PDB file of all heavy atoms in Angstrom:
ATOM      1  N   ASN A   1      49.469  68.732 -21.874  1.00  0.00           N
ATOM      2  CA  ASN A   1      50.639  69.610 -21.872  1.00  0.00           C
ATOM      3  C   ASN A   1      50.408  70.876 -22.695  1.00  0.00           C
ATOM      4  O   ASN A   1      51.367  71.538 -23.095  1.00  0.00           O
ATOM      5  CB  ASN A   1      51.870  68.858 -22.398  1.00  0.00           C
ATOM      6  CG  ASN A   1      51.600  68.166 -23.726  1.00  0.00           C
ATOM      7  OD1 ASN A   1      50.769  68.601 -24.521  1.00  0.00           O
ATOM      8  ND2 ASN A   1      52.306  67.066 -23.975  1.00  0.00           N
ATOM      9  N   GLY A   2      49.158  71.223 -22.950  1.00  0.00           N
ATOM     10  CA  GLY A   2      48.844  72.400 -23.747  1.00  0.00           C
ATOM     11  C   GLY A   2      48.770  72.114 -25.226  1.00  0.00           C
ATOM     12  O   GLY A   2      47.993  72.735 -25.945  1.00  0.00           O
ATOM     13  N   TYR A   3      49.584  71.185 -25.700  1.00  0.00           N
ATOM     14  CA  TYR A   3      49.526  70.747 -27.093  1.00  0.00           C
ATOM     15  C   TYR A   3      48.379  69.762 -27.274  1.00  0.00           C
ATOM     16  O   TYR A   3      47.643  69.824 -28.253  1.00  0.00           O
ATOM     17  CB  TYR A   3      50.848  70.092 -27.488  1.00  0.00           C
ATOM     18  CG  TYR A   3      50.884  69.544 -28.900  1.00  0.00           C
ATOM     19  CD1 TYR A   3      51.182  70.377 -29.973  1.00  0.00           C
ATOM     20  CD2 TYR A   3      50.638  68.198 -29.157  1.00  0.00           C
ATOM     21  CE1 TYR A   3      51.226  69.883 -31.269  1.00  0.00           C
ATOM     22  CE2 TYR A   3      50.669  67.692 -30.446  1.00  0.00           C
ATOM     23  CZ  TYR A   3      50.970  68.535 -31.498  1.00  0.00           C
ATOM     24  OH  TYR A   3      51.003  68.044 -32.780  1.00  0.00           O
ATOM     25  N   MET A   4      48.240  68.850 -26.328  1.00  0.00           N
ATOM     26  CA  MET A   4      47.189  67.844 -26.415  1.00  0.00           C
ATOM     27  C   MET A   4      46.705  67.471 -25.023  1.00  0.00           C
ATOM     28  O   MET A   4      47.371  67.716 -24.015  1.00  0.00           O
ATOM     29  CB  MET A   4      47.693  66.594 -27.146  1.00  0.00           C
ATOM     30  CG  MET A   4      48.877  65.912 -26.494  1.00  0.00           C
ATOM     31  SD  MET A   4      49.430  64.502 -27.486  1.00  0.00           S
ATOM     32  CE  MET A   4      51.079  64.224 -26.814  1.00  0.00           C
ATOM     33  N   GLY A   5      45.516  66.883 -24.999  1.00  0.00           N
ATOM     34  CA  GLY A   5      44.960  66.349 -23.769  1.00  0.00           C
ATOM     35  C   GLY A   5      44.438  64.954 -24.027  1.00  0.00           C
ATOM     36  O   GLY A   5      43.842  64.677 -25.073  1.00  0.00           O
ATOM     37  N   ILE A   6      44.681  64.055 -23.075  1.00  0.00           N
ATOM     38  CA  ILE A   6      44.204  62.674 -23.187  1.00  0.00           C
ATOM     39  C   ILE A   6      43.335  62.393 -21.968  1.00  0.00           C
ATOM     40  O   ILE A   6      43.792  62.502 -20.828  1.00  0.00           O
ATOM     41  CB  ILE A   6      45.376  61.668 -23.303  1.00  0.00           C
ATOM     42  CG1 ILE A   6      44.870  60.233 -23.453  1.00  0.00           C
ATOM     43  CG2 ILE A   6      46.354  61.789 -22.155  1.00  0.00           C
ATOM     44  CD1 ILE A   6      44.482  59.872 -24.842  1.00  0.00           C
ATOM     45  N   ARG A   7      42.061  62.115 -22.214  1.00  0.00           N
ATOM     46  CA  ARG A   7      41.147  61.866 -21.107  1.00  0.00           C
ATOM     47  C   ARG A   7      41.590  60.661 -20.281  1.00  0.00           C
ATOM     48  O   ARG A   7      42.161  59.708 -20.805  1.00  0.00           O
ATOM     49  CB  ARG A   7      39.727  61.629 -21.634  1.00  0.00           C
ATOM     50  CG  ARG A   7      39.004  62.906 -21.999  1.00  0.00           C
ATOM     51  CD  ARG A   7      37.692  62.654 -22.704  1.00  0.00           C
ATOM     52  NE  ARG A   7      36.722  61.940 -21.887  1.00  0.00           N
ATOM     53  CZ  ARG A   7      35.915  62.492 -20.991  1.00  0.00           C
ATOM     54  NH1 ARG A   7      35.983  63.798 -20.763  1.00  0.00           N
ATOM     55  NH2 ARG A   7      35.032  61.763 -20.312  1.00  0.00           N
ATOM     56  N   GLY A   8      41.259  60.712 -18.990  1.00  0.00           N
ATOM     57  CA  GLY A   8      41.661  59.640 -18.084  1.00  0.00           C
ATOM     58  C   GLY A   8      40.708  58.463 -18.126  1.00  0.00           C
ATOM     59  O   GLY A   8      40.297  57.944 -17.077  1.00  0.00           O
ATOM     60  N   ALA A   9      40.375  58.023 -19.334  1.00  0.00           N
ATOM     61  CA  ALA A   9      39.550  56.828 -19.485  1.00  0.00           C
ATOM     62  C   ALA A   9      40.389  55.602 -19.129  1.00  0.00           C
ATOM     63  O   ALA A   9      41.613  55.605 -19.269  1.00  0.00           O
ATOM     64  CB  ALA A   9      39.026  56.717 -20.915  1.00  0.00           C
ATOM     65  N   HIS A  10      39.724  54.539 -18.700  1.00  0.00           N
ATOM     66  CA  HIS A  10      40.421  53.297 -18.373  1.00  0.00           C
ATOM     67  C   HIS A  10      41.004  52.676 -19.645  1.00  0.00           C
ATOM     68  O   HIS A  10      40.475  52.866 -20.746  1.00  0.00           O
ATOM     69  CB  HIS A  10      39.460  52.304 -17.724  1.00  0.00           C
ATOM     70  CG  HIS A  10      38.966  52.740 -16.387  1.00  0.00           C
ATOM     71  ND1 HIS A  10      39.570  52.362 -15.205  1.00  0.00           N
ATOM     72  CD2 HIS A  10      37.919  53.533 -16.031  1.00  0.00           C
ATOM     73  CE1 HIS A  10      38.921  52.889 -14.181  1.00  0.00           C
ATOM     74  NE2 HIS A  10      37.907  53.609 -14.658  1.00  0.00           N
ATOM     75  N   GLU A  11      42.060  51.903 -19.463  1.00  0.00           N
ATOM     76  CA  GLU A  11      42.633  51.201 -20.601  1.00  0.00           C
ATOM     77  C   GLU A  11      41.635  50.204 -21.183  1.00  0.00           C
ATOM     78  O   GLU A  11      41.489  50.094 -22.402  1.00  0.00           O
ATOM     79  CB  GLU A  11      43.913  50.462 -20.176  1.00  0.00           C
ATOM     80  CG  GLU A  11      45.117  51.346 -19.946  1.00  0.00           C
ATOM     81  CD  GLU A  11      45.064  52.148 -18.649  1.00  0.00           C
ATOM     82  OE1 GLU A  11      44.144  51.913 -17.820  1.00  0.00           O
ATOM     83  OE2 GLU A  11      45.933  53.015 -18.461  1.00  0.00           O
ATOM     84  N   GLU A  12      40.934  49.483 -20.332  1.00  0.00           N
ATOM     85  CA  GLU A  12      39.928  48.521 -20.792  1.00  0.00           C
ATOM     86  C   GLU A  12      38.632  49.250 -21.136  1.00  0.00           C
ATOM     87  O   GLU A  12      38.353  50.329 -20.617  1.00  0.00           O
ATOM     88  CB  GLU A  12      39.683  47.453 -19.725  1.00  0.00           C
ATOM     89  CG  GLU A  12      39.052  47.926 -18.442  1.00  0.00           C
ATOM     90  CD  GLU A  12      40.020  48.453 -17.392  1.00  0.00           C
ATOM     91  OE1 GLU A  12      41.175  48.767 -17.743  1.00  0.00           O
ATOM     92  OE2 GLU A  12      39.603  48.568 -16.226  1.00  0.00           O
ATOM     93  N   ASP A  13      37.833  48.661 -22.016  1.00  0.00           N
ATOM     94  CA  ASP A  13      36.612  49.297 -22.488  1.00  0.00           C
ATOM     95  C   ASP A  13      35.442  49.035 -21.545  1.00  0.00           C
ATOM     96  O   ASP A  13      35.341  47.965 -20.934  1.00  0.00           O
ATOM     97  CB  ASP A  13      36.246  48.782 -23.883  1.00  0.00           C
ATOM     98  CG  ASP A  13      36.986  49.528 -24.984  1.00  0.00           C
ATOM     99  OD1 ASP A  13      37.290  50.714 -24.790  1.00  0.00           O
ATOM    100  OD2 ASP A  13      37.263  48.917 -26.037  1.00  0.00           O
ATOM    101  N   TYR A  14      34.559  50.049 -21.475  1.00  0.00           N
ATOM    102  CA  TYR A  14      33.281  49.923 -20.775  1.00  0.00           C
ATOM    103  C   TYR A  14      32.210  50.573 -21.644  1.00  0.00           C
ATOM    104  O   TYR A  14      32.498  51.537 -22.371  1.00  0.00           O
ATOM    105  CB  TYR A  14      33.346  50.571 -19.391  1.00  0.00           C
ATOM    106  CG  TYR A  14      34.333  49.876 -18.490  1.00  0.00           C
ATOM    107  CD1 TYR A  14      35.619  50.374 -18.311  1.00  0.00           C
ATOM    108  CD2 TYR A  14      33.996  48.680 -17.864  1.00  0.00           C
ATOM    109  CE1 TYR A  14      36.540  49.711 -17.515  1.00  0.00           C
ATOM    110  CE2 TYR A  14      34.916  48.012 -17.058  1.00  0.00           C
ATOM    111  CZ  TYR A  14      36.184  48.526 -16.895  1.00  0.00           C
ATOM    112  OH  TYR A  14      37.096  47.856 -16.121  1.00  0.00           O
ATOM    113  N   PRO A  15      30.977  50.088 -21.584  1.00  0.00           N
ATOM    114  CA  PRO A  15      29.954  50.502 -22.554  1.00  0.00           C
ATOM    115  C   PRO A  15      29.713  52.011 -22.633  1.00  0.00           C
ATOM    116  O   PRO A  15      29.533  52.545 -23.719  1.00  0.00           O
ATOM    117  CB  PRO A  15      28.694  49.759 -22.075  1.00  0.00           C
ATOM    118  CG  PRO A  15      29.210  48.565 -21.343  1.00  0.00           C
ATOM    119  CD  PRO A  15      30.487  49.011 -20.695  1.00  0.00           C
ATOM    120  N   ILE A  16      29.683  52.708 -21.509  1.00  0.00           N
ATOM    121  CA  ILE A  16      29.354  54.137 -21.536  1.00  0.00           C
ATOM    122  C   ILE A  16      30.595  55.023 -21.459  1.00  0.00           C
ATOM    123  O   ILE A  16      30.485  56.250 -21.429  1.00  0.00           O
ATOM    124  CB  ILE A  16      28.398  54.499 -20.387  1.00  0.00           C
ATOM    125  CG1 ILE A  16      29.071  54.258 -19.028  1.00  0.00           C
ATOM    126  CG2 ILE A  16      27.098  53.730 -20.502  1.00  0.00           C
ATOM    127  CD1 ILE A  16      28.258  54.781 -17.857  1.00  0.00           C
ATOM    128  N   GLN A  17      31.763  54.433 -21.435  1.00  0.00           N
ATOM    129  CA  GLN A  17      32.988  55.211 -21.265  1.00  0.00           C
ATOM    130  C   GLN A  17      33.287  56.029 -22.512  1.00  0.00           C
ATOM    131  O   GLN A  17      33.200  55.537 -23.628  1.00  0.00           O
ATOM    132  CB  GLN A  17      34.157  54.268 -20.972  1.00  0.00           C
ATOM    133  CG  GLN A  17      35.507  54.966 -20.824  1.00  0.00           C
ATOM    134  CD  GLN A  17      36.587  54.020 -20.349  1.00  0.00           C
ATOM    135  OE1 GLN A  17      37.022  54.110 -19.219  1.00  0.00           O
ATOM    136  NE2 GLN A  17      36.997  53.092 -21.203  1.00  0.00           N
ATOM    137  N   LYS A  18      33.669  57.301 -22.307  1.00  0.00           N
ATOM    138  CA  LYS A  18      34.002  58.203 -23.404  1.00  0.00           C
ATOM    139  C   LYS A  18      35.491  58.491 -23.412  1.00  0.00           C
ATOM    140  O   LYS A  18      36.024  59.143 -22.515  1.00  0.00           O
ATOM    141  CB  LYS A  18      33.223  59.513 -23.265  1.00  0.00           C
ATOM    142  CG  LYS A  18      33.428  60.476 -24.424  1.00  0.00           C
ATOM    143  CD  LYS A  18      32.896  59.919 -25.732  1.00  0.00           C
ATOM    144  CE  LYS A  18      33.031  60.922 -26.853  1.00  0.00           C
ATOM    145  NZ  LYS A  18      32.603  60.370 -28.155  1.00  0.00           N
ATOM    146  N   ARG A  19      36.166  57.966 -24.444  1.00  0.00           N
ATOM    147  CA  ARG A  19      37.591  58.240 -24.606  1.00  0.00           C
ATOM    148  C   ARG A  19      37.781  59.595 -25.287  1.00  0.00           C
ATOM    149  O   ARG A  19      36.855  60.139 -25.890  1.00  0.00           O
ATOM    150  CB  ARG A  19      38.253  57.150 -25.439  1.00  0.00           C
ATOM    151  CG  ARG A  19      38.173  55.768 -24.814  1.00  0.00           C
ATOM    152  CD  ARG A  19      39.026  54.764 -25.592  1.00  0.00           C
ATOM    153  NE  ARG A  19      38.937  53.444 -24.980  1.00  0.00           N
ATOM    154  CZ  ARG A  19      39.665  53.054 -23.941  1.00  0.00           C
ATOM    155  NH1 ARG A  19      40.545  53.895 -23.409  1.00  0.00           N
ATOM    156  NH2 ARG A  19      39.529  51.845 -23.432  1.00  0.00           N
ATOM    157  N   GLY A  20      38.982  60.107 -25.239  1.00  0.00           N
ATOM    158  CA  GLY A  20      39.233  61.362 -25.927  1.00  0.00           C
ATOM    159  C   GLY A  20      40.702  61.701 -26.005  1.00  0.00           C
ATOM    160  O   GLY A  20      41.405  61.691 -24.992  1.00  0.00           O
ATOM    161  N   LEU A  21      41.173  61.966 -27.207  1.00  0.00           N
ATOM    162  CA  LEU A  21      42.497  62.541 -27.448  1.00  0.00           C
ATOM    163  C   LEU A  21      42.265  63.787 -28.283  1.00  0.00           C
ATOM    164  O   LEU A  21      41.710  63.712 -29.390  1.00  0.00           O
ATOM    165  CB  LEU A  21      43.410  61.558 -28.186  1.00  0.00           C
ATOM    166  CG  LEU A  21      44.743  62.133 -28.696  1.00  0.00           C
ATOM    167  CD1 LEU A  21      45.604  62.671 -27.550  1.00  0.00           C
ATOM    168  CD2 LEU A  21      45.518  61.091 -29.494  1.00  0.00           C
ATOM    169  N   PHE A  22      42.661  64.926 -27.761  1.00  0.00           N
ATOM    170  CA  PHE A  22      42.421  66.203 -28.424  1.00  0.00           C
ATOM    171  C   PHE A  22      43.740  66.959 -28.584  1.00  0.00           C
ATOM    172  O   PHE A  22      44.534  67.031 -27.648  1.00  0.00           O
ATOM    173  CB  PHE A  22      41.449  67.056 -27.606  1.00  0.00           C
ATOM    174  CG  PHE A  22      40.168  66.335 -27.260  1.00  0.00           C
ATOM    175  CD1 PHE A  22      40.009  65.737 -26.012  1.00  0.00           C
ATOM    176  CD2 PHE A  22      39.147  66.235 -28.178  1.00  0.00           C
ATOM    177  CE1 PHE A  22      38.843  65.071 -25.685  1.00  0.00           C
ATOM    178  CE2 PHE A  22      37.975  65.559 -27.863  1.00  0.00           C
ATOM    179  CZ  PHE A  22      37.814  64.973 -26.620  1.00  0.00           C
ATOM    180  N   VAL A  23      43.937  67.515 -29.771  1.00  0.00           N
ATOM    181  CA  VAL A  23      45.088  68.369 -30.030  1.00  0.00           C
ATOM    182  C   VAL A  23      44.585  69.787 -30.256  1.00  0.00           C
ATOM    183  O   VAL A  23      43.641  70.005 -31.036  1.00  0.00           O
ATOM    184  CB  VAL A  23      45.888  67.884 -31.251  1.00  0.00           C
ATOM    185  CG1 VAL A  23      46.947  68.907 -31.653  1.00  0.00           C
ATOM    186  CG2 VAL A  23      46.552  66.547 -30.944  1.00  0.00           C
ATOM    187  N   ALA A  24      45.173  70.749 -29.570  1.00  0.00           N
ATOM    188  CA  ALA A  24      44.740  72.138 -29.681  1.00  0.00           C
ATOM    189  C   ALA A  24      44.795  72.593 -31.136  1.00  0.00           C
ATOM    190  O   ALA A  24      45.812  72.425 -31.817  1.00  0.00           O
ATOM    191  CB  ALA A  24      45.629  73.030 -28.816  1.00  0.00           C
ATOM    192  N   GLY A  25      43.682  73.145 -31.604  1.00  0.00           N
ATOM    193  CA  GLY A  25      43.635  73.702 -32.952  1.00  0.00           C
ATOM    194  C   GLY A  25      43.121  72.772 -34.024  1.00  0.00           C
ATOM    195  O   GLY A  25      42.924  73.205 -35.168  1.00  0.00           O
ATOM    196  N   ILE A  26      42.894  71.497 -33.710  1.00  0.00           N
ATOM    197  CA  ILE A  26      42.375  70.555 -34.702  1.00  0.00           C
ATOM    198  C   ILE A  26      40.844  70.570 -34.634  1.00  0.00           C
ATOM    199  O   ILE A  26      40.242  70.020 -33.715  1.00  0.00           O
ATOM    200  CB  ILE A  26      42.922  69.136 -34.486  1.00  0.00           C
ATOM    201  CG1 ILE A  26      44.445  69.127 -34.624  1.00  0.00           C
ATOM    202  CG2 ILE A  26      42.299  68.172 -35.479  1.00  0.00           C
ATOM    203  CD1 ILE A  26      44.955  69.487 -36.009  1.00  0.00           C
TER     204      ILE A  26
END
């Protein structure tokens, strides 16, 4: 929403999966 972005990673874990929660300016 411009303030933050949440990558579309699966809820369950996988070995090579890269999660990401980013807030603009941090």
